[in-house]
Amino acid sequence: MRARVVVLIIVLFAVTYALVGFVSDSLPRQSVDEDARDRRSQPGNSLQPSASSKDGNSAVSEAMPVGDLPGWKQVFTEDFTDGDVPIGEFPDKTYRVRWSANYFDGTPDTAAQTLKTKSGYYPSKVISVHDGLMDMYLHTENGISMGAAPAPRFEKDSKRPFNSQLYGRYSVRFRAEALPGFKLAWLLWPDSKQWPEDGEIDFPEGDLSRTIYAAMHGTGEKDNRIDQFRTKSRFTSWHIATIEWSPDRVEFFLDGESIGTSTSATPDTPMHYILQTESCLTTCPHPETRGHVYVDWVAIWAKD
């Protein structure tokens, strides 16, 4: 009898072990590739970025749009995959055909010009390219808050303003760290330099520690209309900001969704696109505040 009980226990143990093995084998397992995918990509990491690294430092997923669209003819694309450029050397021979640093080191930014703050554009201390990204390293040196304002170049060796056109569609994929006192005002600025008479179009705009908005500064000699369209989205996630500038109409899209349309006092003279990244509007960053703005790609179309 005791022998029978022992045999029965052994049989039950074997059956239980087999069932556990069957159940565990039937569960989905993460492959080596999936493990790699879920780790945050870092600069210099050999892992290919993917959609799961959206909140990391590698630009991923949303591929740059290539080709004409209904009513729009594509005239410029950049996804920063032609090679790395260390800080201090941008645009280098790698990107000089398609980009300009736009301003020399020490050029006063908006706040320095209007409020006499200690801030300015210092592309040699700010801009680099790595891992398929333009990287703008915003920081303060010797009491000066440093930004940059690079501009796409439509043609090799073209002169300022580099990407002039009348009407267009402008799309950029970007992310930034939360940096109080530093801001974006990526904009269309009139070739005439007549402001506010010839207007201004800004998107994305905002302090990097706050939410993203768009602004359309209407034309006119004085009391020009300003339309603002605010969102609840923050700069710390990847976003795609698109401006569609047409006759009598400017529409703004964030991640494919319209956030607003301006139809009054629309700019109607040639303008050019600048990734104006600066500080001290309205408050200057703390001297220890430093971090990055990343640009995954830029695509531009002309009105067809």
C-alpha atoms as a PDB file:
ATOM      1  CA  MET A   1       0.000   0.000   0.000  1.00  0.00           C
ATOM      2  CA  ARG A   2       2.780   2.414   0.922  1.00  0.00           C
ATOM      3  CA  ALA A   3       4.517   1.596  -2.384  1.00  0.00           C
ATOM      4  CA  ARG A   4       1.315   2.452  -4.276  1.00  0.00           C
ATOM      5  CA  VAL A   5       1.069   5.832  -2.529  1.00  0.00           C
ATOM      6  CA  VAL A   6       4.684   6.616  -3.373  1.00  0.00           C
ATOM      7  CA  VAL A   7       4.131   5.698  -7.026  1.00  0.00           C
ATOM      8  CA  LEU A   8       0.967   7.812  -7.150  1.00  0.00           C
ATOM      9  CA  ILE A   9       2.803  10.842  -5.704  1.00  0.00           C
ATOM     10  CA  ILE A  10       5.579  10.470  -8.267  1.00  0.00           C
ATOM     11  CA  VAL A  11       3.038  10.268 -11.121  1.00  0.00           C
ATOM     12  CA  LEU A  12       1.158  13.370  -9.885  1.00  0.00           C
ATOM     13  CA  PHE A  13       4.423  15.328  -9.559  1.00  0.00           C
ATOM     14  CA  ALA A  14       5.421  14.418 -13.102  1.00  0.00           C
ATOM     15  CA  VAL A  15       2.049  15.463 -14.527  1.00  0.00           C
ATOM     16  CA  THR A  16       2.121  18.772 -12.617  1.00  0.00           C
ATOM     17  CA  TYR A  17       5.649  19.567 -13.844  1.00  0.00           C
ATOM     18  CA  ALA A  18       4.649  18.833 -17.429  1.00  0.00           C
ATOM     19  CA  LEU A  19       1.604  21.108 -17.190  1.00  0.00           C
ATOM     20  CA  VAL A  20       3.654  23.955 -15.735  1.00  0.00           C
ATOM     21  CA  GLY A  21       6.161  23.565 -18.525  1.00  0.00           C
ATOM     22  CA  PHE A  22       3.425  23.581 -21.140  1.00  0.00           C
ATOM     23  CA  VAL A  23       1.825  26.758 -19.754  1.00  0.00           C
ATOM     24  CA  SER A  24       5.116  28.607 -19.470  1.00  0.00           C
ATOM     25  CA  ASP A  25       6.123  27.634 -23.010  1.00  0.00           C
ATOM     26  CA  SER A  26       2.801  28.917 -24.352  1.00  0.00           C
ATOM     27  CA  LEU A  27       3.287  32.444 -22.923  1.00  0.00           C
ATOM     28  CA  PRO A  28       4.764  35.105 -25.234  1.00  0.00           C
ATOM     29  CA  ARG A  29       8.438  35.674 -24.590  1.00  0.00           C
ATOM     30  CA  GLN A  30      10.476  38.761 -25.332  1.00  0.00           C
ATOM     31  CA  SER A  31      13.140  38.124 -27.928  1.00  0.00           C
ATOM     32  CA  VAL A  32      16.645  39.533 -27.684  1.00  0.00           C
ATOM     33  CA  ASP A  33      15.616  42.141 -30.254  1.00  0.00           C
ATOM     34  CA  GLU A  34      12.605  43.162 -28.177  1.00  0.00           C
ATOM     35  CA  ASP A  35      14.764  43.478 -25.068  1.00  0.00           C
ATOM     36  CA  ALA A  36      17.056  45.745 -27.039  1.00  0.00           C
ATOM     37  CA  ARG A  37      14.103  47.698 -28.376  1.00  0.00           C
ATOM     38  CA  ASP A  38      12.809  48.469 -24.889  1.00  0.00           C
ATOM     39  CA  ARG A  39      16.104  49.835 -23.610  1.00  0.00           C
ATOM     40  CA  ARG A  40      16.474  53.587 -23.949  1.00  0.00           C
ATOM     41  CA  SER A  41      18.798  54.452 -26.804  1.00  0.00           C
ATOM     42  CA  GLN A  42      21.711  56.709 -25.904  1.00  0.00           C
ATOM     43  CA  PRO A  43      24.038  58.717 -28.158  1.00  0.00           C
ATOM     44  CA  GLY A  44      26.560  56.321 -29.580  1.00  0.00           C
ATOM     45  CA  ASN A  45      24.379  53.263 -28.871  1.00  0.00           C
ATOM     46  CA  SER A  46      24.515  50.860 -31.784  1.00  0.00           C
ATOM     47  CA  LEU A  47      20.869  49.858 -31.309  1.00  0.00           C
ATOM     48  CA  GLN A  48      18.547  51.041 -34.021  1.00  0.00           C
ATOM     49  CA  PRO A  49      15.948  53.481 -32.612  1.00  0.00           C
ATOM     50  CA  SER A  50      12.325  52.465 -32.672  1.00  0.00           C
ATOM     51  CA  ALA A  51       8.920  53.758 -31.673  1.00  0.00           C
ATOM     52  CA  SER A  52       9.401  52.687 -28.045  1.00  0.00           C
ATOM     53  CA  SER A  53      12.303  55.114 -27.633  1.00  0.00           C
ATOM     54  CA  LYS A  54      10.041  58.077 -28.301  1.00  0.00           C
ATOM     55  CA  ASP A  55      10.782  59.506 -24.888  1.00  0.00           C
ATOM     56  CA  GLY A  56      14.511  58.863 -25.167  1.00  0.00           C
ATOM     57  CA  ASN A  57      17.242  60.750 -26.976  1.00  0.00           C
ATOM     58  CA  SER A  58      17.018  58.940 -30.311  1.00  0.00           C
ATOM     59  CA  ALA A  59      14.683  60.155 -33.020  1.00  0.00           C
ATOM     60  CA  VAL A  60      12.526  57.280 -34.125  1.00  0.00           C
ATOM     61  CA  SER A  61       9.428  56.039 -35.858  1.00  0.00           C
ATOM     62  CA  GLU A  62       7.663  58.862 -37.688  1.00  0.00           C
ATOM     63  CA  ALA A  63       9.598  58.849 -40.940  1.00  0.00           C
ATOM     64  CA  MET A  64      10.320  62.081 -42.749  1.00  0.00           C
ATOM     65  CA  PRO A  65       7.673  62.724 -45.434  1.00  0.00           C
ATOM     66  CA  VAL A  66       9.178  62.609 -48.905  1.00  0.00           C
ATOM     67  CA  GLY A  67       7.352  63.745 -52.046  1.00  0.00           C
ATOM     68  CA  ASP A  68       4.795  66.245 -53.239  1.00  0.00           C
ATOM     69  CA  LEU A  69       1.407  66.624 -51.561  1.00  0.00           C
ATOM     70  CA  PRO A  70      -1.861  67.865 -53.077  1.00  0.00           C
ATOM     71  CA  GLY A  71      -1.306  71.582 -53.626  1.00  0.00           C
ATOM     72  CA  TRP A  72       2.302  71.474 -52.395  1.00  0.00           C
ATOM     73  CA  LYS A  73       5.593  70.787 -54.187  1.00  0.00           C
ATOM     74  CA  GLN A  74       8.403  69.544 -51.955  1.00  0.00           C
ATOM     75  CA  VAL A  75      11.552  71.688 -52.125  1.00  0.00           C
ATOM     76  CA  PHE A  76      13.608  70.608 -49.099  1.00  0.00           C
ATOM     77  CA  THR A  77      14.178  67.579 -46.869  1.00  0.00           C
ATOM     78  CA  GLU A  78      16.690  66.851 -44.109  1.00  0.00           C
ATOM     79  CA  ASP A  79      16.881  63.913 -41.714  1.00  0.00           C
ATOM     80  CA  PHE A  80      20.502  64.319 -40.528  1.00  0.00           C
ATOM     81  CA  THR A  81      21.617  60.873 -41.639  1.00  0.00           C
ATOM     82  CA  ASP A  82      24.628  61.923 -43.729  1.00  0.00           C
ATOM     83  CA  GLY A  83      27.011  61.760 -40.784  1.00  0.00           C
ATOM     84  CA  ASP A  84      27.867  63.249 -37.422  1.00  0.00           C
ATOM     85  CA  VAL A  85      29.227  66.760 -36.905  1.00  0.00           C
ATOM     86  CA  PRO A  86      30.778  67.596 -33.517  1.00  0.00           C
ATOM     87  CA  ILE A  87      29.852  70.712 -31.632  1.00  0.00           C
ATOM     88  CA  GLY A  88      31.835  73.659 -32.958  1.00  0.00           C
ATOM     89  CA  GLU A  89      31.942  72.474 -36.582  1.00  0.00           C
ATOM     90  CA  PHE A  90      28.351  72.727 -37.853  1.00  0.00           C
ATOM     91  CA  PRO A  91      27.460  72.843 -40.688  1.00  0.00           C
ATOM     92  CA  ASP A  92      30.834  71.431 -41.829  1.00  0.00           C
ATOM     93  CA  LYS A  93      31.141  70.103 -45.370  1.00  0.00           C
ATOM     94  CA  THR A  94      28.578  67.420 -44.518  1.00  0.00           C
ATOM     95  CA  TYR A  95      25.605  69.770 -44.217  1.00  0.00           C
ATOM     96  CA  ARG A  96      26.842  73.066 -45.655  1.00  0.00           C
ATOM     97  CA  VAL A  97      24.946  72.453 -48.893  1.00  0.00           C
ATOM     98  CA  ARG A  98      21.627  72.356 -47.036  1.00  0.00           C
ATOM     99  CA  TRP A  99      22.168  74.406 -43.863  1.00  0.00           C
ATOM    100  CA  SER A 100      23.548  77.651 -42.544  1.00  0.00           C
ATOM    101  CA  ALA A 101      24.367  78.417 -38.917  1.00  0.00           C
ATOM    102  CA  ASN A 102      22.788  81.736 -39.928  1.00  0.00           C
ATOM    103  CA  TYR A 103      24.349  83.963 -37.251  1.00  0.00           C
ATOM    104  CA  PHE A 104      27.889  84.411 -36.000  1.00  0.00           C
ATOM    105  CA  ASP A 105      28.747  83.719 -32.369  1.00  0.00           C
ATOM    106  CA  GLY A 106      27.782  86.660 -30.199  1.00  0.00           C
ATOM    107  CA  THR A 107      24.869  87.857 -32.324  1.00  0.00           C
ATOM    108  CA  PRO A 108      22.258  89.265 -29.915  1.00  0.00           C
ATOM    109  CA  ASP A 109      19.042  87.286 -29.730  1.00  0.00           C
ATOM    110  CA  THR A 110      15.562  88.790 -29.423  1.00  0.00           C
ATOM    111  CA  ALA A 111      15.805  89.488 -25.681  1.00  0.00           C
ATOM    112  CA  ALA A 112      19.301  90.952 -25.953  1.00  0.00           C
ATOM    113  CA  GLN A 113      18.109  93.327 -28.673  1.00  0.00           C
ATOM    114  CA  THR A 114      14.918  94.410 -26.943  1.00  0.00           C
ATOM    115  CA  LEU A 115      15.573  93.927 -23.220  1.00  0.00           C
ATOM    116  CA  LYS A 116      19.392  94.212 -23.151  1.00  0.00           C
ATOM    117  CA  THR A 117      19.764  90.784 -21.539  1.00  0.00           C
ATOM    118  CA  LYS A 118      23.000  88.782 -21.579  1.00  0.00           C
ATOM    119  CA  SER A 119      21.883  86.268 -24.191  1.00  0.00           C
ATOM    120  CA  GLY A 120      22.648  85.504 -27.811  1.00  0.00           C
ATOM    121  CA  TYR A 121      23.286  83.073 -30.629  1.00  0.00           C
ATOM    122  CA  TYR A 122      26.430  80.951 -30.325  1.00  0.00           C
ATOM    123  CA  PRO A 123      26.166  78.192 -32.944  1.00  0.00           C
ATOM    124  CA  SER A 124      29.754  77.008 -32.426  1.00  0.00           C
ATOM    125  CA  LYS A 125      28.941  76.233 -28.781  1.00  0.00           C
ATOM    126  CA  VAL A 126      25.442  74.896 -29.336  1.00  0.00           C
ATOM    127  CA  ILE A 127      24.876  72.916 -32.578  1.00  0.00           C
ATOM    128  CA  SER A 128      25.998  69.390 -33.362  1.00  0.00           C
ATOM    129  CA  VAL A 129      24.673  66.409 -35.330  1.00  0.00           C
ATOM    130  CA  HIS A 130      24.718  62.833 -34.030  1.00  0.00           C
ATOM    131  CA  ASP A 131      22.597  59.681 -34.175  1.00  0.00           C
ATOM    132  CA  GLY A 132      20.404  61.125 -36.938  1.00  0.00           C
ATOM    133  CA  LEU A 133      19.587  64.279 -34.961  1.00  0.00           C
ATOM    134  CA  MET A 134      20.451  67.930 -34.932  1.00  0.00           C
ATOM    135  CA  ASP A 135      21.269  68.656 -31.286  1.00  0.00           C
ATOM    136  CA  MET A 136      21.150  72.167 -29.847  1.00  0.00           C
ATOM    137  CA  TYR A 137      22.867  72.210 -26.449  1.00  0.00           C
ATOM    138  CA  LEU A 138      21.394  75.173 -24.579  1.00  0.00           C
ATOM    139  CA  HIS A 139      23.434  76.443 -21.651  1.00  0.00           C
ATOM    140  CA  THR A 140      25.038  79.465 -20.021  1.00  0.00           C
ATOM    141  CA  GLU A 141      28.734  80.371 -20.185  1.00  0.00           C
ATOM    142  CA  ASN A 142      30.337  83.349 -18.481  1.00  0.00           C
ATOM    143  CA  GLY A 143      26.919  84.703 -17.613  1.00  0.00           C
ATOM    144  CA  ILE A 144      25.639  84.544 -21.222  1.00  0.00           C
ATOM    145  CA  SER A 145      22.638  82.356 -22.123  1.00  0.00           C
ATOM    146  CA  MET A 146      23.456  80.648 -25.413  1.00  0.00           C
ATOM    147  CA  GLY A 147      21.127  79.547 -28.198  1.00  0.00           C
ATOM    148  CA  ALA A 148      21.237  79.166 -31.980  1.00  0.00           C
ATOM    149  CA  ALA A 149      19.077  79.874 -35.020  1.00  0.00           C
ATOM    150  CA  PRO A 150      20.084  77.605 -37.932  1.00  0.00           C
ATOM    151  CA  ALA A 151      18.325  77.925 -41.272  1.00  0.00           C
ATOM    152  CA  PRO A 152      17.708  75.464 -44.118  1.00  0.00           C
ATOM    153  CA  ARG A 153      19.409  76.318 -47.397  1.00  0.00           C
ATOM    154  CA  PHE A 154      17.493  75.630 -50.614  1.00  0.00           C
ATOM    155  CA  GLU A 155      20.510  75.834 -52.927  1.00  0.00           C
ATOM    156  CA  LYS A 156      24.234  75.264 -52.536  1.00  0.00           C
ATOM    157  CA  ASP A 157      26.121  78.491 -51.804  1.00  0.00           C
ATOM    158  CA  SER A 158      22.877  80.460 -51.701  1.00  0.00           C
ATOM    159  CA  LYS A 159      23.032  83.734 -49.831  1.00  0.00           C
ATOM    160  CA  ARG A 160      20.838  85.036 -47.060  1.00  0.00           C
ATOM    161  CA  PRO A 161      17.922  84.567 -46.583  1.00  0.00           C
ATOM    162  CA  PHE A 162      18.704  80.998 -47.805  1.00  0.00           C
ATOM    163  CA  ASN A 163      15.154  79.617 -48.158  1.00  0.00           C
ATOM    164  CA  SER A 164      12.975  82.488 -49.310  1.00  0.00           C
ATOM    165  CA  GLN A 165       9.561  81.790 -50.813  1.00  0.00           C
ATOM    166  CA  LEU A 166       6.060  83.216 -50.952  1.00  0.00           C
ATOM    167  CA  TYR A 167       3.726  80.736 -49.224  1.00  0.00           C
ATOM    168  CA  GLY A 168       4.736  77.253 -48.206  1.00  0.00           C
ATOM    169  CA  ARG A 169       4.311  74.246 -45.974  1.00  0.00           C
ATOM    170  CA  TYR A 170       6.880  73.677 -43.197  1.00  0.00           C
ATOM    171  CA  SER A 171       7.056  70.557 -41.086  1.00  0.00           C
ATOM    172  CA  VAL A 172       9.540  69.604 -38.338  1.00  0.00           C
ATOM    173  CA  ARG A 173       9.845  66.733 -35.873  1.00  0.00           C
ATOM    174  CA  PHE A 174      11.390  67.775 -32.571  1.00  0.00           C
ATOM    175  CA  ARG A 175      11.735  67.212 -28.844  1.00  0.00           C
ATOM    176  CA  ALA A 176      13.334  69.210 -26.027  1.00  0.00           C
ATOM    177  CA  GLU A 177      14.221  68.864 -22.390  1.00  0.00           C
ATOM    178  CA  ALA A 178      12.320  71.036 -19.915  1.00  0.00           C
ATOM    179  CA  LEU A 179      14.588  74.079 -19.593  1.00  0.00           C
ATOM    180  CA  PRO A 180      12.962  77.091 -17.873  1.00  0.00           C
ATOM    181  CA  GLY A 181      14.078  80.352 -19.458  1.00  0.00           C
ATOM    182  CA  PHE A 182      15.037  78.827 -22.816  1.00  0.00           C
ATOM    183  CA  LYS A 183      12.455  78.919 -25.586  1.00  0.00           C
ATOM    184  CA  LEU A 184      11.668  78.057 -29.178  1.00  0.00           C
ATOM    185  CA  ALA A 185      10.246  80.483 -31.682  1.00  0.00           C
ATOM    186  CA  TRP A 186      10.769  78.595 -34.944  1.00  0.00           C
ATOM    187  CA  LEU A 187       9.424  81.054 -37.411  1.00  0.00           C
ATOM    188  CA  LEU A 188       8.807  82.501 -40.821  1.00  0.00           C
ATOM    189  CA  TRP A 189      10.390  85.950 -40.913  1.00  0.00           C
ATOM    190  CA  PRO A 190       9.840  88.508 -43.714  1.00  0.00           C
ATOM    191  CA  ASP A 191      12.672  88.860 -46.224  1.00  0.00           C
ATOM    192  CA  SER A 192      12.027  92.601 -46.150  1.00  0.00           C
ATOM    193  CA  LYS A 193      12.919  92.705 -42.424  1.00  0.00           C
ATOM    194  CA  GLN A 194       9.979  95.075 -42.114  1.00  0.00           C
ATOM    195  CA  TRP A 195       8.339  94.138 -38.834  1.00  0.00           C
ATOM    196  CA  PRO A 196       5.594  94.335 -37.795  1.00  0.00           C
ATOM    197  CA  GLU A 197       4.461  95.652 -41.190  1.00  0.00           C
ATOM    198  CA  ASP A 198       5.065  92.369 -43.060  1.00  0.00           C
ATOM    199  CA  GLY A 199       4.067  89.995 -40.263  1.00  0.00           C
ATOM    200  CA  GLU A 200       5.602  86.903 -38.655  1.00  0.00           C
ATOM    201  CA  ILE A 201       4.544  83.263 -38.261  1.00  0.00           C
ATOM    202  CA  ASP A 202       5.771  81.227 -35.239  1.00  0.00           C
ATOM    203  CA  PHE A 203       5.351  77.501 -34.584  1.00  0.00           C
ATOM    204  CA  PRO A 204       6.341  75.742 -32.434  1.00  0.00           C
ATOM    205  CA  GLU A 205       6.790  78.477 -29.856  1.00  0.00           C
ATOM    206  CA  GLY A 206       7.084  78.572 -26.076  1.00  0.00           C
ATOM    207  CA  ASP A 207       9.271  78.313 -23.001  1.00  0.00           C
ATOM    208  CA  LEU A 208      10.702  74.788 -22.939  1.00  0.00           C
ATOM    209  CA  SER A 209       9.333  74.127 -19.454  1.00  0.00           C
ATOM    210  CA  ARG A 210       5.782  74.979 -20.538  1.00  0.00           C
ATOM    211  CA  THR A 211       3.350  74.054 -23.306  1.00  0.00           C
ATOM    212  CA  ILE A 212       3.560  74.522 -27.068  1.00  0.00           C
ATOM    213  CA  TYR A 213       1.655  77.219 -28.911  1.00  0.00           C
ATOM    214  CA  ALA A 214       1.478  78.885 -32.336  1.00  0.00           C
ATOM    215  CA  ALA A 215       1.343  82.609 -33.127  1.00  0.00           C
ATOM    216  CA  MET A 216       0.446  84.508 -36.282  1.00  0.00           C
ATOM    217  CA  HIS A 217       1.498  88.165 -36.264  1.00  0.00           C
ATOM    218  CA  GLY A 218      -0.653  89.871 -38.845  1.00  0.00           C
ATOM    219  CA  THR A 219       0.532  92.498 -41.268  1.00  0.00           C
ATOM    220  CA  GLY A 220       0.063  96.205 -40.674  1.00  0.00           C
ATOM    221  CA  GLU A 221       2.017  99.279 -39.677  1.00  0.00           C
ATOM    222  CA  LYS A 222       0.692  99.339 -36.132  1.00  0.00           C
ATOM    223  CA  ASP A 223      -1.666  97.490 -33.808  1.00  0.00           C
ATOM    224  CA  ASN A 224      -1.108  94.389 -35.902  1.00  0.00           C
ATOM    225  CA  ARG A 225      -3.321  91.449 -35.013  1.00  0.00           C
ATOM    226  CA  ILE A 226      -1.778  88.483 -33.171  1.00  0.00           C
ATOM    227  CA  ASP A 227      -3.621  85.153 -33.291  1.00  0.00           C
ATOM    228  CA  GLN A 228      -2.413  82.603 -30.740  1.00  0.00           C
ATOM    229  CA  PHE A 229      -3.348  78.941 -30.650  1.00  0.00           C
ATOM    230  CA  ARG A 230      -2.389  77.113 -27.472  1.00  0.00           C
ATOM    231  CA  THR A 231      -2.070  73.397 -26.787  1.00  0.00           C
ATOM    232  CA  LYS A 232      -1.673  71.211 -23.704  1.00  0.00           C
ATOM    233  CA  SER A 233       1.313  69.425 -25.257  1.00  0.00           C
ATOM    234  CA  ARG A 234       4.790  69.818 -23.788  1.00  0.00           C
ATOM    235  CA  PHE A 235       8.137  69.964 -25.521  1.00  0.00           C
ATOM    236  CA  THR A 236       9.453  66.922 -23.666  1.00  0.00           C
ATOM    237  CA  SER A 237       7.755  64.417 -26.017  1.00  0.00           C
ATOM    238  CA  TRP A 238       8.364  63.969 -29.727  1.00  0.00           C
ATOM    239  CA  HIS A 239       6.043  66.120 -31.841  1.00  0.00           C
ATOM    240  CA  ILE A 240       5.550  67.132 -35.458  1.00  0.00           C
ATOM    241  CA  ALA A 241       4.723  70.809 -35.969  1.00  0.00           C
ATOM    242  CA  THR A 242       3.448  71.929 -39.363  1.00  0.00           C
ATOM    243  CA  ILE A 243       2.709  75.392 -40.748  1.00  0.00           C
ATOM    244  CA  GLU A 244       0.589  75.720 -43.898  1.00  0.00           C
ATOM    245  CA  TRP A 245       0.912  79.278 -45.194  1.00  0.00           C
ATOM    246  CA  SER A 246      -1.427  80.042 -48.075  1.00  0.00           C
ATOM    247  CA  PRO A 247      -2.934  83.197 -49.537  1.00  0.00           C
ATOM    248  CA  ASP A 248      -5.327  84.656 -46.933  1.00  0.00           C
ATOM    249  CA  ARG A 249      -4.828  81.697 -44.572  1.00  0.00           C
ATOM    250  CA  VAL A 250      -2.319  80.203 -42.116  1.00  0.00           C
ATOM    251  CA  GLU A 251      -3.143  76.867 -40.469  1.00  0.00           C
ATOM    252  CA  PHE A 252      -1.161  75.136 -37.726  1.00  0.00           C
ATOM    253  CA  PHE A 253      -1.002  71.375 -37.116  1.00  0.00           C
ATOM    254  CA  LEU A 254       0.492  69.481 -34.180  1.00  0.00           C
ATOM    255  CA  ASP A 255       0.964  65.751 -34.720  1.00  0.00           C
ATOM    256  CA  GLY A 256      -1.415  65.859 -37.668  1.00  0.00           C
ATOM    257  CA  GLU A 257      -4.246  67.636 -35.854  1.00  0.00           C
ATOM    258  CA  SER A 258      -5.205  71.223 -36.653  1.00  0.00           C
ATOM    259  CA  ILE A 259      -4.847  73.497 -33.617  1.00  0.00           C
ATOM    260  CA  GLY A 260      -6.063  76.660 -35.333  1.00  0.00           C
ATOM    261  CA  THR A 261      -6.368  78.763 -38.465  1.00  0.00           C
ATOM    262  CA  SER A 262      -5.707  82.470 -38.930  1.00  0.00           C
ATOM    263  CA  THR A 263      -7.445  84.233 -41.800  1.00  0.00           C
ATOM    264  CA  SER A 264      -6.823  87.898 -40.990  1.00  0.00           C
ATOM    265  CA  ALA A 265      -3.911  90.072 -42.152  1.00  0.00           C
ATOM    266  CA  THR A 266      -2.058  87.090 -43.610  1.00  0.00           C
ATOM    267  CA  PRO A 267       1.556  87.847 -44.630  1.00  0.00           C
ATOM    268  CA  ASP A 268       1.749  88.234 -48.404  1.00  0.00           C
ATOM    269  CA  THR A 269       5.431  88.928 -49.076  1.00  0.00           C
ATOM    270  CA  PRO A 270       8.327  86.391 -49.243  1.00  0.00           C
ATOM    271  CA  MET A 271       9.478  84.945 -45.930  1.00  0.00           C
ATOM    272  CA  HIS A 272      12.186  82.553 -44.750  1.00  0.00           C
ATOM    273  CA  TYR A 273      12.297  79.782 -42.157  1.00  0.00           C
ATOM    274  CA  ILE A 274      14.571  79.869 -39.088  1.00  0.00           C
ATOM    275  CA  LEU A 275      14.852  77.436 -36.159  1.00  0.00           C
ATOM    276  CA  GLN A 276      15.182  80.320 -33.707  1.00  0.00           C
ATOM    277  CA  THR A 277      16.154  78.887 -30.324  1.00  0.00           C
ATOM    278  CA  GLU A 278      16.891  81.467 -27.643  1.00  0.00           C
ATOM    279  CA  SER A 279      16.313  82.590 -24.060  1.00  0.00           C
ATOM    280  CA  CYS A 280      15.274  85.308 -21.616  1.00  0.00           C
ATOM    281  CA  LEU A 281      11.713  85.776 -22.843  1.00  0.00           C
ATOM    282  CA  THR A 282      10.289  86.466 -20.392  1.00  0.00           C
ATOM    283  CA  THR A 283      12.793  85.329 -17.767  1.00  0.00           C
ATOM    284  CA  CYS A 284      16.401  84.249 -18.182  1.00  0.00           C
ATOM    285  CA  PRO A 285      17.436  80.676 -17.359  1.00  0.00           C
ATOM    286  CA  HIS A 286      19.279  79.886 -14.161  1.00  0.00           C
ATOM    287  CA  PRO A 287      23.041  79.683 -14.838  1.00  0.00           C
ATOM    288  CA  GLU A 288      22.980  75.950 -14.075  1.00  0.00           C
ATOM    289  CA  THR A 289      20.085  75.208 -16.439  1.00  0.00           C
ATOM    290  CA  ARG A 290      21.383  73.267 -19.426  1.00  0.00           C
ATOM    291  CA  GLY A 291      20.024  70.677 -21.805  1.00  0.00           C
ATOM    292  CA  HIS A 292      19.102  69.798 -25.354  1.00  0.00           C
ATOM    293  CA  VAL A 293      16.700  70.470 -28.193  1.00  0.00           C
ATOM    294  CA  TYR A 294      16.605  67.644 -30.746  1.00  0.00           C
ATOM    295  CA  VAL A 295      15.500  67.927 -34.375  1.00  0.00           C
ATOM    296  CA  ASP A 296      14.722  64.646 -36.131  1.00  0.00           C
ATOM    297  CA  TRP A 297      13.835  66.017 -39.560  1.00  0.00           C
ATOM    298  CA  VAL A 298      12.696  69.073 -41.485  1.00  0.00           C
ATOM    299  CA  ALA A 299      10.589  69.054 -44.661  1.00  0.00           C
ATOM    300  CA  ILE A 300       9.469  72.065 -46.702  1.00  0.00           C
ATOM    301  CA  TRP A 301       7.077  72.477 -49.623  1.00  0.00           C
ATOM    302  CA  ALA A 302       6.285  75.373 -51.953  1.00  0.00           C
ATOM    303  CA  LYS A 303       2.733  76.317 -52.897  1.00  0.00           C
ATOM    304  CA  ASP A 304       1.951  74.431 -56.095  1.00  0.00           C
END
